[in-house]
Full PDB file with SEQRES, HELIX, SHEET, SSBOND, CRYST1, ORIGX, SCALE, CONECT and MASTER records, all heavy atoms in Angstrom:
SEQRES   1 A   33  THR GLY PHE LEU LEU ILE ILE TYR ALA GLY TRP ASP GLY          
SEQRES   2 A   33  HIS PHE SER LEU SER ASN PHE THR LEU GLY GLY PHE TYR          
SEQRES   3 A   33  THR ALA THR GLY VAL GLN GLU                                  
HELIX    1 AA1 GLY A    2  TRP A   11  1                                  10    
HELIX    2 AA2 LEU A   17  PHE A   20  5                                   4    
HELIX    3 AA3 GLY A   23  THR A   29  1                                   7    
CRYST1    1.000    1.000    1.000  90.00  90.00  90.00 P 1           1          
ORIGX1      1.000000  0.000000  0.000000        0.00000                         
ORIGX2      0.000000  1.000000  0.000000        0.00000                         
ORIGX3      0.000000  0.000000  1.000000        0.00000                         
SCALE1      1.000000  0.000000  0.000000        0.00000                         
SCALE2      0.000000  1.000000  0.000000        0.00000                         
SCALE3      0.000000  0.000000  1.000000        0.00000                         
ATOM      1  N   THR A   1       9.646  13.257  36.511  1.00  0.00           N  
ATOM      2  CA  THR A   1      11.052  13.118  36.125  1.00  0.00           C  
ATOM      3  C   THR A   1      11.217  12.057  35.045  1.00  0.00           C  
ATOM      4  O   THR A   1      11.934  12.255  34.058  1.00  0.00           O  
ATOM      5  CB  THR A   1      11.906  12.747  37.351  1.00  0.00           C  
ATOM      6  OG1 THR A   1      11.796  13.777  38.338  1.00  0.00           O  
ATOM      7  CG2 THR A   1      13.364  12.576  36.968  1.00  0.00           C  
ATOM      8  N   GLY A   2      10.544  10.914  35.229  1.00  0.00           N  
ATOM      9  CA  GLY A   2      10.624   9.843  34.241  1.00  0.00           C  
ATOM     10  C   GLY A   2      10.130  10.287  32.876  1.00  0.00           C  
ATOM     11  O   GLY A   2      10.795  10.075  31.852  1.00  0.00           O  
ATOM     12  N   PHE A   3       8.974  10.934  32.842  1.00  0.00           N  
ATOM     13  CA  PHE A   3       8.413  11.381  31.562  1.00  0.00           C  
ATOM     14  C   PHE A   3       9.262  12.491  30.938  1.00  0.00           C  
ATOM     15  O   PHE A   3       9.414  12.564  29.712  1.00  0.00           O  
ATOM     16  CB  PHE A   3       6.968  11.842  31.744  1.00  0.00           C  
ATOM     17  CG  PHE A   3       5.985  10.712  31.806  1.00  0.00           C  
ATOM     18  CD1 PHE A   3       5.231  10.489  32.948  1.00  0.00           C  
ATOM     19  CD2 PHE A   3       5.809   9.862  30.729  1.00  0.00           C  
ATOM     20  CE1 PHE A   3       4.323   9.427  33.010  1.00  0.00           C  
ATOM     21  CE2 PHE A   3       4.905   8.808  30.774  1.00  0.00           C  
ATOM     22  CZ  PHE A   3       4.159   8.590  31.917  1.00  0.00           C  
ATOM     23  N   LEU A   4       9.817  13.374  31.782  1.00  0.00           N  
ATOM     24  CA  LEU A   4      10.672  14.438  31.262  1.00  0.00           C  
ATOM     25  C   LEU A   4      11.902  13.865  30.564  1.00  0.00           C  
ATOM     26  O   LEU A   4      12.292  14.318  29.477  1.00  0.00           O  
ATOM     27  CB  LEU A   4      11.111  15.362  32.392  1.00  0.00           C  
ATOM     28  CG  LEU A   4      10.235  16.587  32.659  1.00  0.00           C  
ATOM     29  CD1 LEU A   4      10.724  17.307  33.898  1.00  0.00           C  
ATOM     30  CD2 LEU A   4      10.249  17.527  31.459  1.00  0.00           C  
ATOM     31  N   LEU A   5      12.525  12.856  31.187  1.00  0.00           N  
ATOM     32  CA  LEU A   5      13.692  12.240  30.585  1.00  0.00           C  
ATOM     33  C   LEU A   5      13.346  11.612  29.233  1.00  0.00           C  
ATOM     34  O   LEU A   5      14.078  11.764  28.250  1.00  0.00           O  
ATOM     35  CB  LEU A   5      14.263  11.169  31.521  1.00  0.00           C  
ATOM     36  CG  LEU A   5      15.113  11.672  32.692  1.00  0.00           C  
ATOM     37  CD1 LEU A   5      15.363  10.550  33.683  1.00  0.00           C  
ATOM     38  CD2 LEU A   5      16.447  12.226  32.184  1.00  0.00           C  
ATOM     39  N   ILE A   6      12.213  10.924  29.200  1.00  0.00           N  
ATOM     40  CA  ILE A   6      11.800  10.243  27.965  1.00  0.00           C  
ATOM     41  C   ILE A   6      11.444  11.255  26.883  1.00  0.00           C  
ATOM     42  O   ILE A   6      11.927  11.176  25.742  1.00  0.00           O  
ATOM     43  CB  ILE A   6      10.607   9.310  28.237  1.00  0.00           C  
ATOM     44  CG1 ILE A   6      11.022   8.178  29.173  1.00  0.00           C  
ATOM     45  CG2 ILE A   6      10.061   8.737  26.922  1.00  0.00           C  
ATOM     46  CD1 ILE A   6       9.859   7.360  29.706  1.00  0.00           C  
ATOM     47  N   ILE A   7      10.613  12.235  27.218  1.00  0.00           N  
ATOM     48  CA  ILE A   7      10.123  13.200  26.224  1.00  0.00           C  
ATOM     49  C   ILE A   7      11.244  14.107  25.741  1.00  0.00           C  
ATOM     50  O   ILE A   7      11.435  14.307  24.531  1.00  0.00           O  
ATOM     51  CB  ILE A   7       8.964  14.032  26.812  1.00  0.00           C  
ATOM     52  CG1 ILE A   7       7.753  13.123  27.082  1.00  0.00           C  
ATOM     53  CG2 ILE A   7       8.586  15.169  25.872  1.00  0.00           C  
ATOM     54  CD1 ILE A   7       6.648  13.796  27.877  1.00  0.00           C  
ATOM     55  N   TYR A   8      12.021  14.661  26.680  1.00  0.00           N  
ATOM     56  CA  TYR A   8      13.062  15.614  26.287  1.00  0.00           C  
ATOM     57  C   TYR A   8      14.163  14.917  25.498  1.00  0.00           C  
ATOM     58  O   TYR A   8      14.628  15.434  24.471  1.00  0.00           O  
ATOM     59  CB  TYR A   8      13.645  16.294  27.535  1.00  0.00           C  
ATOM     60  CG  TYR A   8      14.327  17.600  27.219  1.00  0.00           C  
ATOM     61  CD1 TYR A   8      13.649  18.806  27.338  1.00  0.00           C  
ATOM     62  CD2 TYR A   8      15.657  17.621  26.799  1.00  0.00           C  
ATOM     63  CE1 TYR A   8      14.275  20.008  27.036  1.00  0.00           C  
ATOM     64  CE2 TYR A   8      16.286  18.817  26.507  1.00  0.00           C  
ATOM     65  CZ  TYR A   8      15.598  20.009  26.624  1.00  0.00           C  
ATOM     66  OH  TYR A   8      16.216  21.198  26.321  1.00  0.00           O  
ATOM     67  N   ALA A   9      14.605  13.742  25.972  1.00  0.00           N  
ATOM     68  CA  ALA A   9      15.649  13.013  25.247  1.00  0.00           C  
ATOM     69  C   ALA A   9      15.133  12.547  23.892  1.00  0.00           C  
ATOM     70  O   ALA A   9      15.855  12.576  22.894  1.00  0.00           O  
ATOM     71  CB  ALA A   9      16.122  11.821  26.074  1.00  0.00           C  
ATOM     72  N   GLY A  10      13.868  12.123  23.832  1.00  0.00           N  
ATOM     73  CA  GLY A  10      13.284  11.683  22.565  1.00  0.00           C  
ATOM     74  C   GLY A  10      13.127  12.827  21.586  1.00  0.00           C  
ATOM     75  O   GLY A  10      13.356  12.668  20.377  1.00  0.00           O  
ATOM     76  N   TRP A  11      12.751  14.006  22.088  1.00  0.00           N  
ATOM     77  CA  TRP A  11      12.549  15.180  21.225  1.00  0.00           C  
ATOM     78  C   TRP A  11      13.847  15.585  20.541  1.00  0.00           C  
ATOM     79  O   TRP A  11      13.864  15.962  19.369  1.00  0.00           O  
ATOM     80  CB  TRP A  11      12.021  16.332  22.072  1.00  0.00           C  
ATOM     81  CG  TRP A  11      11.671  17.554  21.274  1.00  0.00           C  
ATOM     82  CD1 TRP A  11      12.479  18.618  20.997  1.00  0.00           C  
ATOM     83  CD2 TRP A  11      10.416  17.832  20.637  1.00  0.00           C  
ATOM     84  NE1 TRP A  11      11.811  19.557  20.243  1.00  0.00           N  
ATOM     85  CE2 TRP A  11      10.535  19.093  20.008  1.00  0.00           C  
ATOM     86  CE3 TRP A  11       9.208  17.145  20.561  1.00  0.00           C  
ATOM     87  CZ2 TRP A  11       9.495  19.676  19.293  1.00  0.00           C  
ATOM     88  CZ3 TRP A  11       8.168  17.726  19.849  1.00  0.00           C  
ATOM     89  CH2 TRP A  11       8.314  18.968  19.217  1.00  0.00           C  
ATOM     90  N   ASP A  12      14.963  15.494  21.274  1.00  0.00           N  
ATOM     91  CA  ASP A  12      16.258  15.870  20.706  1.00  0.00           C  
ATOM     92  C   ASP A  12      16.990  14.698  20.056  1.00  0.00           C  
ATOM     93  O   ASP A  12      18.137  14.843  19.628  1.00  0.00           O  
ATOM     94  CB  ASP A  12      17.160  16.459  21.807  1.00  0.00           C  
ATOM     95  CG  ASP A  12      16.743  17.879  22.176  1.00  0.00           C  
ATOM     96  OD1 ASP A  12      15.863  18.431  21.493  1.00  0.00           O  
ATOM     97  OD2 ASP A  12      17.305  18.425  23.136  1.00  0.00           O  
ATOM     98  N   GLY A  13      16.346  13.545  20.034  1.00  0.00           N  
ATOM     99  CA  GLY A  13      16.965  12.377  19.412  1.00  0.00           C  
ATOM    100  C   GLY A  13      18.007  11.688  20.271  1.00  0.00           C  
ATOM    101  O   GLY A  13      18.795  10.876  19.775  1.00  0.00           O  
ATOM    102  N   HIS A  14      18.019  11.987  21.590  1.00  0.00           N  
ATOM    103  CA  HIS A  14      18.985  11.366  22.490  1.00  0.00           C  
ATOM    104  C   HIS A  14      18.467  10.068  23.099  1.00  0.00           C  
ATOM    105  O   HIS A  14      19.249   9.313  23.680  1.00  0.00           O  
ATOM    106  CB  HIS A  14      19.356  12.329  23.630  1.00  0.00           C  
ATOM    107  CG  HIS A  14      20.105  13.540  23.160  1.00  0.00           C  
ATOM    108  ND1 HIS A  14      19.897  14.803  23.689  1.00  0.00           N  
ATOM    109  CD2 HIS A  14      21.036  13.684  22.198  1.00  0.00           C  
ATOM    110  CE1 HIS A  14      20.674  15.668  23.078  1.00  0.00           C  
ATOM    111  NE2 HIS A  14      21.378  15.020  22.170  1.00  0.00           N  
ATOM    112  N   PHE A  15      17.165   9.839  23.020  1.00  0.00           N  
ATOM    113  CA  PHE A  15      16.613   8.620  23.615  1.00  0.00           C  
ATOM    114  C   PHE A  15      16.869   7.464  22.646  1.00  0.00           C  
ATOM    115  O   PHE A  15      16.368   7.463  21.522  1.00  0.00           O  
ATOM    116  CB  PHE A  15      15.108   8.759  23.880  1.00  0.00           C  
ATOM    117  CG  PHE A  15      14.564   7.719  24.808  1.00  0.00           C  
ATOM    118  CD1 PHE A  15      14.558   7.926  26.178  1.00  0.00           C  
ATOM    119  CD2 PHE A  15      14.062   6.511  24.323  1.00  0.00           C  
ATOM    120  CE1 PHE A  15      14.061   6.976  27.042  1.00  0.00           C  
ATOM    121  CE2 PHE A  15      13.570   5.560  25.171  1.00  0.00           C  
ATOM    122  CZ  PHE A  15      13.565   5.780  26.544  1.00  0.00           C  
ATOM    123  N   SER A  16      17.661   6.509  23.090  1.00  0.00           N  
ATOM    124  CA  SER A  16      18.122   5.447  22.196  1.00  0.00           C  
ATOM    125  C   SER A  16      17.610   4.076  22.632  1.00  0.00           C  
ATOM    126  O   SER A  16      17.899   3.639  23.751  1.00  0.00           O  
ATOM    127  CB  SER A  16      19.656   5.423  22.148  1.00  0.00           C  
ATOM    128  OG  SER A  16      20.114   4.351  21.354  1.00  0.00           O  
ATOM    129  N   LEU A  17      16.877   3.413  21.736  1.00  0.00           N  
ATOM    130  CA  LEU A  17      16.407   2.056  22.016  1.00  0.00           C  
ATOM    131  C   LEU A  17      17.554   1.059  22.005  1.00  0.00           C  
ATOM    132  O   LEU A  17      17.439  -0.029  22.600  1.00  0.00           O  
ATOM    133  CB  LEU A  17      15.338   1.651  20.994  1.00  0.00           C  
ATOM    134  CG  LEU A  17      14.026   2.448  21.053  1.00  0.00           C  
ATOM    135  CD1 LEU A  17      13.069   1.969  19.973  1.00  0.00           C  
ATOM    136  CD2 LEU A  17      13.361   2.314  22.428  1.00  0.00           C  
ATOM    137  N   SER A  18      18.674   1.419  21.370  1.00  0.00           N  
ATOM    138  CA  SER A  18      19.825   0.506  21.362  1.00  0.00           C  
ATOM    139  C   SER A  18      20.427   0.347  22.757  1.00  0.00           C  
ATOM    140  O   SER A  18      21.146  -0.623  23.025  1.00  0.00           O  
ATOM    141  CB  SER A  18      20.904   1.029  20.392  1.00  0.00           C  
ATOM    142  OG  SER A  18      21.406   2.281  20.829  1.00  0.00           O  
ATOM    143  N   ASN A  19      20.123   1.287  23.661  1.00  0.00           N  
ATOM    144  CA  ASN A  19      20.614   1.164  25.042  1.00  0.00           C  
ATOM    145  C   ASN A  19      19.987  -0.018  25.771  1.00  0.00           C  
ATOM    146  O   ASN A  19      20.488  -0.443  26.815  1.00  0.00           O  
ATOM    147  CB  ASN A  19      20.306   2.437  25.832  1.00  0.00           C  
ATOM    148  CG  ASN A  19      21.152   3.612  25.401  1.00  0.00           C  
ATOM    149  OD1 ASN A  19      22.010   3.476  24.545  1.00  0.00           O  
ATOM    150  ND2 ASN A  19      20.901   4.771  25.997  1.00  0.00           N  
ATOM    151  N   PHE A  20      18.887  -0.529  25.231  1.00  0.00           N  
ATOM    152  CA  PHE A  20      18.185  -1.624  25.895  1.00  0.00           C  
ATOM    153  C   PHE A  20      18.656  -3.001  25.426  1.00  0.00           C  
ATOM    154  O   PHE A  20      18.140  -4.019  25.863  1.00  0.00           O  
ATOM    155  CB  PHE A  20      16.674  -1.500  25.664  1.00  0.00           C  
ATOM    156  CG  PHE A  20      16.080  -0.271  26.283  1.00  0.00           C  
ATOM    157  CD1 PHE A  20      15.959   0.905  25.562  1.00  0.00           C  
ATOM    158  CD2 PHE A  20      15.666  -0.274  27.601  1.00  0.00           C  
ATOM    159  CE1 PHE A  20      15.428   2.047  26.137  1.00  0.00           C  
ATOM    160  CE2 PHE A  20      15.126   0.859  28.191  1.00  0.00           C  
ATOM    161  CZ  PHE A  20      15.010   2.024  27.453  1.00  0.00           C  
ATOM    162  N   THR A  21      19.632  -3.069  24.525  1.00  0.00           N  
ATOM    163  CA  THR A  21      20.158  -4.360  24.080  1.00  0.00           C  
ATOM    164  C   THR A  21      21.033  -4.951  25.186  1.00  0.00           C  
ATOM    165  O   THR A  21      21.517  -4.232  26.072  1.00  0.00           O  
ATOM    166  CB  THR A  21      20.984  -4.203  22.801  1.00  0.00           C  
ATOM    167  OG1 THR A  21      22.109  -3.356  23.068  1.00  0.00           O  
ATOM    168  CG2 THR A  21      20.142  -3.594  21.681  1.00  0.00           C  
ATOM    169  N   LEU A  22      21.279  -6.247  25.115  1.00  0.00           N  
ATOM    170  CA  LEU A  22      22.020  -6.928  26.172  1.00  0.00           C  
ATOM    171  C   LEU A  22      23.534  -6.812  26.013  1.00  0.00           C  
ATOM    172  O   LEU A  22      24.281  -7.311  26.849  1.00  0.00           O  
ATOM    173  CB  LEU A  22      21.620  -8.404  26.223  1.00  0.00           C  
ATOM    174  CG  LEU A  22      20.185  -8.664  26.694  1.00  0.00           C  
ATOM    175  CD1 LEU A  22      19.878 -10.152  26.646  1.00  0.00           C  
ATOM    176  CD2 LEU A  22      19.959  -8.135  28.098  1.00  0.00           C  
ATOM    177  N   GLY A  23      23.997  -6.149  24.942  1.00  0.00           N  
ATOM    178  CA  GLY A  23      25.431  -5.998  24.756  1.00  0.00           C  
ATOM    179  C   GLY A  23      26.102  -5.314  25.925  1.00  0.00           C  
ATOM    180  O   GLY A  23      27.158  -5.729  26.398  1.00  0.00           O  
ATOM    181  N   GLY A  24      25.485  -4.242  26.402  1.00  0.00           N  
ATOM    182  CA  GLY A  24      26.037  -3.535  27.553  1.00  0.00           C  
ATOM    183  C   GLY A  24      26.030  -4.382  28.813  1.00  0.00           C  
ATOM    184  O   GLY A  24      26.912  -4.281  29.658  1.00  0.00           O  
ATOM    185  N   PHE A  25      25.027  -5.248  28.932  1.00  0.00           N  
ATOM    186  CA  PHE A  25      24.965  -6.140  30.095  1.00  0.00           C  
ATOM    187  C   PHE A  25      26.148  -7.100  30.090  1.00  0.00           C  
ATOM    188  O   PHE A  25      26.815  -7.293  31.104  1.00  0.00           O  
ATOM    189  CB  PHE A  25      23.649  -6.925  30.077  1.00  0.00           C  
ATOM    190  CG  PHE A  25      23.616  -8.075  31.040  1.00  0.00           C  
ATOM    191  CD1 PHE A  25      23.441  -7.858  32.390  1.00  0.00           C  
ATOM    192  CD2 PHE A  25      23.764  -9.380  30.593  1.00  0.00           C  
ATOM    193  CE1 PHE A  25      23.419  -8.914  33.293  1.00  0.00           C  
ATOM    194  CE2 PHE A  25      23.741 -10.439  31.479  1.00  0.00           C  
ATOM    195  CZ  PHE A  25      23.568 -10.204  32.829  1.00  0.00           C  
ATOM    196  N   TYR A  26      26.436  -7.698  28.942  1.00  0.00           N  
ATOM    197  CA  TYR A  26      27.544  -8.638  28.859  1.00  0.00           C  
ATOM    198  C   TYR A  26      28.878  -7.944  29.107  1.00  0.00           C  
ATOM    199  O   TYR A  26      29.754  -8.468  29.783  1.00  0.00           O  
ATOM    200  CB  TYR A  26      27.562  -9.326  27.487  1.00  0.00           C  
ATOM    201  CG  TYR A  26      26.310 -10.115  27.202  1.00  0.00           C  
ATOM    202  CD1 TYR A  26      25.617  -9.958  26.014  1.00  0.00           C  
ATOM    203  CD2 TYR A  26      25.812 -11.013  28.146  1.00  0.00           C  
ATOM    204  CE1 TYR A  26      24.458 -10.672  25.761  1.00  0.00           C  
ATOM    205  CE2 TYR A  26      24.653 -11.728  27.899  1.00  0.00           C  
ATOM    206  CZ  TYR A  26      23.976 -11.563  26.703  1.00  0.00           C  
ATOM    207  OH  TYR A  26      22.834 -12.264  26.463  1.00  0.00           O  
ATOM    208  N   THR A  27      29.011  -6.729  28.573  1.00  0.00           N  
ATOM    209  CA  THR A  27      30.250  -5.982  28.772  1.00  0.00           C  
ATOM    210  C   THR A  27      30.445  -5.630  30.244  1.00  0.00           C  
ATOM    211  O   THR A  27      31.552  -5.696  30.777  1.00  0.00           O  
ATOM    212  CB  THR A  27      30.248  -4.682  27.939  1.00  0.00           C  
ATOM    213  OG1 THR A  27      30.024  -5.017  26.569  1.00  0.00           O  
ATOM    214  CG2 THR A  27      31.566  -3.942  28.075  1.00  0.00           C  
ATOM    215  N   ALA A  28      29.353  -5.261  30.903  1.00  0.00           N  
ATOM    216  CA  ALA A  28      29.439  -4.832  32.304  1.00  0.00           C  
ATOM    217  C   ALA A  28      29.731  -5.985  33.254  1.00  0.00           C  
ATOM    218  O   ALA A  28      30.458  -5.836  34.230  1.00  0.00           O  
ATOM    219  CB  ALA A  28      28.136  -4.145  32.713  1.00  0.00           C  
ATOM    220  N   THR A  29      29.146  -7.152  32.994  1.00  0.00           N  
ATOM    221  CA  THR A  29      29.237  -8.260  33.937  1.00  0.00           C  
ATOM    222  C   THR A  29      30.248  -9.323  33.547  1.00  0.00           C  
ATOM    223  O   THR A  29      30.724 -10.069  34.392  1.00  0.00           O  
ATOM    224  CB  THR A  29      27.861  -8.931  34.102  1.00  0.00           C  
ATOM    225  OG1 THR A  29      27.440  -9.440  32.822  1.00  0.00           O  
ATOM    226  CG2 THR A  29      26.836  -7.940  34.606  1.00  0.00           C  
ATOM    227  N   GLY A  30      30.524  -9.442  32.278  1.00  0.00           N  
ATOM    228  CA  GLY A  30      31.466 -10.449  31.820  1.00  0.00           C  
ATOM    229  C   GLY A  30      30.922 -11.862  31.850  1.00  0.00           C  
ATOM    230  O   GLY A  30      31.687 -12.824  31.768  1.00  0.00           O  
ATOM    231  N   VAL A  31      29.614 -12.022  31.934  1.00  0.00           N  
ATOM    232  CA  VAL A  31      29.029 -13.365  32.005  1.00  0.00           C  
ATOM    233  C   VAL A  31      28.789 -13.905  30.609  1.00  0.00           C  
ATOM    234  O   VAL A  31      28.787 -13.182  29.623  1.00  0.00           O  
ATOM    235  CB  VAL A  31      27.694 -13.350  32.782  1.00  0.00           C  
ATOM    236  CG1 VAL A  31      27.892 -12.813  34.172  1.00  0.00           C  
ATOM    237  CG2 VAL A  31      26.648 -12.522  32.040  1.00  0.00           C  
ATOM    238  N   GLN A  32      28.594 -15.199  30.528  1.00  0.00           N  
ATOM    239  CA  GLN A  32      28.289 -15.830  29.258  1.00  0.00           C  
ATOM    240  C   GLN A  32      26.859 -15.520  28.852  1.00  0.00           C  
ATOM    241  O   GLN A  32      25.991 -15.264  29.700  1.00  0.00           O  
ATOM    242  CB  GLN A  32      28.482 -17.343  29.366  1.00  0.00           C  
ATOM    243  CG  GLN A  32      29.922 -17.754  29.668  1.00  0.00           C  
ATOM    244  CD  GLN A  32      30.057 -19.260  29.781  1.00  0.00           C  
ATOM    245  OE1 GLN A  32      29.070 -19.975  29.850  1.00  0.00           O  
ATOM    246  NE2 GLN A  32      31.295 -19.732  29.773  1.00  0.00           N  
ATOM    247  N   GLU A  33      26.611 -15.538  27.553  1.00  0.00           N  
ATOM    248  CA  GLU A  33      25.291 -15.205  27.035  1.00  0.00           C  
ATOM    249  C   GLU A  33      24.352 -16.396  27.186  1.00  0.00           C  
ATOM    250  O   GLU A  33      23.945 -17.031  26.216  1.00  0.00           O  
ATOM    251  CB  GLU A  33      25.391 -14.766  25.569  1.00  0.00           C  
ATOM    252  CG  GLU A  33      26.229 -13.507  25.395  1.00  0.00           C  
ATOM    253  CD  GLU A  33      26.218 -13.007  23.964  1.00  0.00           C  
ATOM    254  OE1 GLU A  33      25.285 -13.376  23.219  1.00  0.00           O  
ATOM    255  OE2 GLU A  33      27.114 -12.253  23.594  1.00  0.00           O  
TER     256      GLU A  33                                                      
MASTER        0    0    0    3    0    0    0    6  255    1    0    3          
END                                                                             
């Protein structure tokens, strides 16, 4: 399942490295950086 998500999303250009930035973390938790 893990490899399928990575390969299939990457093949279609849906796998985004920008999802790993901390911006979403700050937005979700509201904590200071």
